[in-house]
């Protein structure tokens, strides 16, 4: 089981929209994530910087950021593009973070 973390950037004033959309995550997207081995997926917000910190456990080779070739993820990215900083293909600007400490 891998533990993956990355950061993304929320646009100013979009916290409640971001929260609402994720609270209503599409069932087919949730199923794709779970079927791809993603579990315990959490996203935290640092309101001082608008940086989103994401953490997920993954069984397999890749995490949620590796599913961009699927139509449902492309649709989700387009849906979220107005509230986040994105790349030209609407994927969120995402920076992987290195784990420097883990305690069991």
C-alpha atoms as a PDB file:
ATOM      1  CA  UNK A   1       0.000   0.000   0.000  1.00  0.00           C
ATOM      2  CA  UNK A   2       1.392   3.388  -1.003  1.00  0.00           C
ATOM      3  CA  UNK A   3       0.664   6.675   0.746  1.00  0.00           C
ATOM      4  CA  UNK A   4       0.567   9.565  -1.714  1.00  0.00           C
ATOM      5  CA  UNK A   5       0.335  13.275  -0.987  1.00  0.00           C
ATOM      6  CA  UNK A   6       0.180  16.283  -3.270  1.00  0.00           C
ATOM      7  CA  UNK A   7      -0.819  19.910  -3.206  1.00  0.00           C
ATOM      8  CA  UNK A   8      -3.148  21.882  -5.447  1.00  0.00           C
ATOM      9  CA  UNK A   9      -4.314  25.483  -5.475  1.00  0.00           C
ATOM     10  CA  UNK A  10      -7.823  26.737  -4.756  1.00  0.00           C
ATOM     11  CA  UNK A  11      -8.955  30.045  -6.216  1.00  0.00           C
ATOM     12  CA  UNK A  12      -9.691  32.776  -3.670  1.00  0.00           C
ATOM     13  CA  UNK A  13     -13.191  32.608  -2.177  1.00  0.00           C
ATOM     14  CA  UNK A  14     -14.036  29.159  -3.573  1.00  0.00           C
ATOM     15  CA  UNK A  15     -13.845  27.054  -0.399  1.00  0.00           C
ATOM     16  CA  UNK A  16     -17.594  26.446  -0.035  1.00  0.00           C
ATOM     17  CA  UNK A  17     -18.081  25.664  -3.733  1.00  0.00           C
ATOM     18  CA  UNK A  18     -15.147  23.243  -3.615  1.00  0.00           C
ATOM     19  CA  UNK A  19     -16.494  21.605  -0.455  1.00  0.00           C
ATOM     20  CA  UNK A  20     -20.037  21.304  -1.872  1.00  0.00           C
ATOM     21  CA  UNK A  21     -18.872  19.733  -5.125  1.00  0.00           C
ATOM     22  CA  UNK A  22     -16.735  17.182  -3.297  1.00  0.00           C
ATOM     23  CA  UNK A  23     -19.520  16.386  -0.817  1.00  0.00           C
ATOM     24  CA  UNK A  24     -21.634  15.558  -3.874  1.00  0.00           C
ATOM     25  CA  UNK A  25     -18.905  13.632  -5.714  1.00  0.00           C
ATOM     26  CA  UNK A  26     -20.319  11.735  -8.653  1.00  0.00           C
ATOM     27  CA  UNK A  27     -20.905   8.056  -7.844  1.00  0.00           C
ATOM     28  CA  UNK A  28     -19.197   6.928 -11.068  1.00  0.00           C
ATOM     29  CA  UNK A  29     -16.073   8.950 -10.178  1.00  0.00           C
ATOM     30  CA  UNK A  30     -16.000   7.529  -6.657  1.00  0.00           C
ATOM     31  CA  UNK A  31     -16.345   4.017  -8.102  1.00  0.00           C
ATOM     32  CA  UNK A  32     -13.483   4.625 -10.558  1.00  0.00           C
ATOM     33  CA  UNK A  33     -11.236   5.830  -7.727  1.00  0.00           C
ATOM     34  CA  UNK A  34     -12.026   2.838  -5.538  1.00  0.00           C
ATOM     35  CA  UNK A  35     -11.731   0.384  -8.448  1.00  0.00           C
ATOM     36  CA  UNK A  36      -8.323   1.911  -9.241  1.00  0.00           C
ATOM     37  CA  UNK A  37      -7.103   1.212  -5.703  1.00  0.00           C
ATOM     38  CA  UNK A  38      -7.526   4.692  -4.202  1.00  0.00           C
ATOM     39  CA  UNK A  39      -8.743   4.688  -0.604  1.00  0.00           C
ATOM     40  CA  UNK A  40      -8.710   6.984   2.409  1.00  0.00           C
ATOM     41  CA  UNK A  41      -8.628  10.037   0.133  1.00  0.00           C
ATOM     42  CA  UNK A  42      -8.613  13.281   2.131  1.00  0.00           C
ATOM     43  CA  UNK A  43      -8.143  16.887   1.041  1.00  0.00           C
ATOM     44  CA  UNK A  44      -7.295  19.654   3.503  1.00  0.00           C
ATOM     45  CA  UNK A  45      -7.277  23.419   2.923  1.00  0.00           C
ATOM     46  CA  UNK A  46      -4.761  25.923   4.262  1.00  0.00           C
ATOM     47  CA  UNK A  47      -6.950  29.045   4.182  1.00  0.00           C
ATOM     48  CA  UNK A  48      -3.979  31.404   4.584  1.00  0.00           C
ATOM     49  CA  UNK A  49      -2.478  30.276   1.271  1.00  0.00           C
ATOM     50  CA  UNK A  50      -5.436  28.587  -0.497  1.00  0.00           C
ATOM     51  CA  UNK A  51      -3.262  25.514  -0.870  1.00  0.00           C
ATOM     52  CA  UNK A  52      -5.101  22.203  -0.890  1.00  0.00           C
ATOM     53  CA  UNK A  53      -3.212  19.271   0.639  1.00  0.00           C
ATOM     54  CA  UNK A  54      -4.381  15.863  -0.580  1.00  0.00           C
ATOM     55  CA  UNK A  55      -3.559  12.467   0.906  1.00  0.00           C
ATOM     56  CA  UNK A  56      -4.592   9.051  -0.304  1.00  0.00           C
ATOM     57  CA  UNK A  57      -3.734   5.436   0.210  1.00  0.00           C
ATOM     58  CA  UNK A  58      -3.266   3.511  -3.018  1.00  0.00           C
ATOM     59  CA  UNK A  59      -2.975  -0.182  -3.718  1.00  0.00           C
ATOM     60  CA  UNK A  60      -1.373  -0.370  -7.129  1.00  0.00           C
ATOM     61  CA  UNK A  61       0.988   1.707  -9.193  1.00  0.00           C
ATOM     62  CA  UNK A  62      -0.702   5.112  -9.345  1.00  0.00           C
ATOM     63  CA  UNK A  63      -3.109   7.425  -7.618  1.00  0.00           C
ATOM     64  CA  UNK A  64      -6.003   9.624  -8.623  1.00  0.00           C
ATOM     65  CA  UNK A  65      -3.733  11.974 -10.567  1.00  0.00           C
ATOM     66  CA  UNK A  66      -2.938   9.112 -12.965  1.00  0.00           C
ATOM     67  CA  UNK A  67      -6.550   8.678 -14.146  1.00  0.00           C
ATOM     68  CA  UNK A  68      -6.638  11.681 -16.468  1.00  0.00           C
ATOM     69  CA  UNK A  69      -7.130   9.573 -19.576  1.00  0.00           C
ATOM     70  CA  UNK A  70     -10.646   8.539 -18.484  1.00  0.00           C
ATOM     71  CA  UNK A  71     -13.686  10.468 -19.689  1.00  0.00           C
ATOM     72  CA  UNK A  72     -15.221  10.828 -16.213  1.00  0.00           C
ATOM     73  CA  UNK A  73     -12.016  12.382 -14.816  1.00  0.00           C
ATOM     74  CA  UNK A  74     -11.775  14.764 -17.784  1.00  0.00           C
ATOM     75  CA  UNK A  75     -15.397  15.755 -17.139  1.00  0.00           C
ATOM     76  CA  UNK A  76     -14.664  16.276 -13.399  1.00  0.00           C
ATOM     77  CA  UNK A  77     -11.621  18.397 -14.205  1.00  0.00           C
ATOM     78  CA  UNK A  78     -13.727  20.607 -16.494  1.00  0.00           C
ATOM     79  CA  UNK A  79     -16.375  20.871 -13.745  1.00  0.00           C
ATOM     80  CA  UNK A  80     -13.757  21.963 -11.198  1.00  0.00           C
ATOM     81  CA  UNK A  81     -11.690  24.253 -13.465  1.00  0.00           C
ATOM     82  CA  UNK A  82     -13.503  27.429 -12.386  1.00  0.00           C
ATOM     83  CA  UNK A  83     -12.532  27.028  -8.718  1.00  0.00           C
ATOM     84  CA  UNK A  84      -8.917  25.819  -8.983  1.00  0.00           C
ATOM     85  CA  UNK A  85      -5.682  26.661 -10.695  1.00  0.00           C
ATOM     86  CA  UNK A  86      -5.424  24.295 -13.661  1.00  0.00           C
ATOM     87  CA  UNK A  87      -3.246  23.238 -16.551  1.00  0.00           C
ATOM     88  CA  UNK A  88      -4.393  23.887 -20.147  1.00  0.00           C
ATOM     89  CA  UNK A  89      -6.178  20.477 -20.217  1.00  0.00           C
ATOM     90  CA  UNK A  90      -8.179  21.453 -17.066  1.00  0.00           C
ATOM     91  CA  UNK A  91      -6.211  19.048 -14.864  1.00  0.00           C
ATOM     92  CA  UNK A  92      -5.492  20.638 -11.501  1.00  0.00           C
ATOM     93  CA  UNK A  93      -1.992  21.969 -11.053  1.00  0.00           C
ATOM     94  CA  UNK A  94      -0.754  19.262  -8.734  1.00  0.00           C
ATOM     95  CA  UNK A  95       2.636  18.983  -7.070  1.00  0.00           C
ATOM     96  CA  UNK A  96       3.631  15.638  -5.544  1.00  0.00           C
ATOM     97  CA  UNK A  97       4.967  15.815  -2.003  1.00  0.00           C
ATOM     98  CA  UNK A  98       7.737  13.639  -0.628  1.00  0.00           C
ATOM     99  CA  UNK A  99       7.031  11.718   2.553  1.00  0.00           C
ATOM    100  CA  UNK A 100       9.757  12.577   5.053  1.00  0.00           C
ATOM    101  CA  UNK A 101       8.240  10.958   8.153  1.00  0.00           C
ATOM    102  CA  UNK A 102       5.771   8.163   8.877  1.00  0.00           C
ATOM    103  CA  UNK A 103       4.776   6.676  12.221  1.00  0.00           C
ATOM    104  CA  UNK A 104       2.776   3.478  12.587  1.00  0.00           C
END
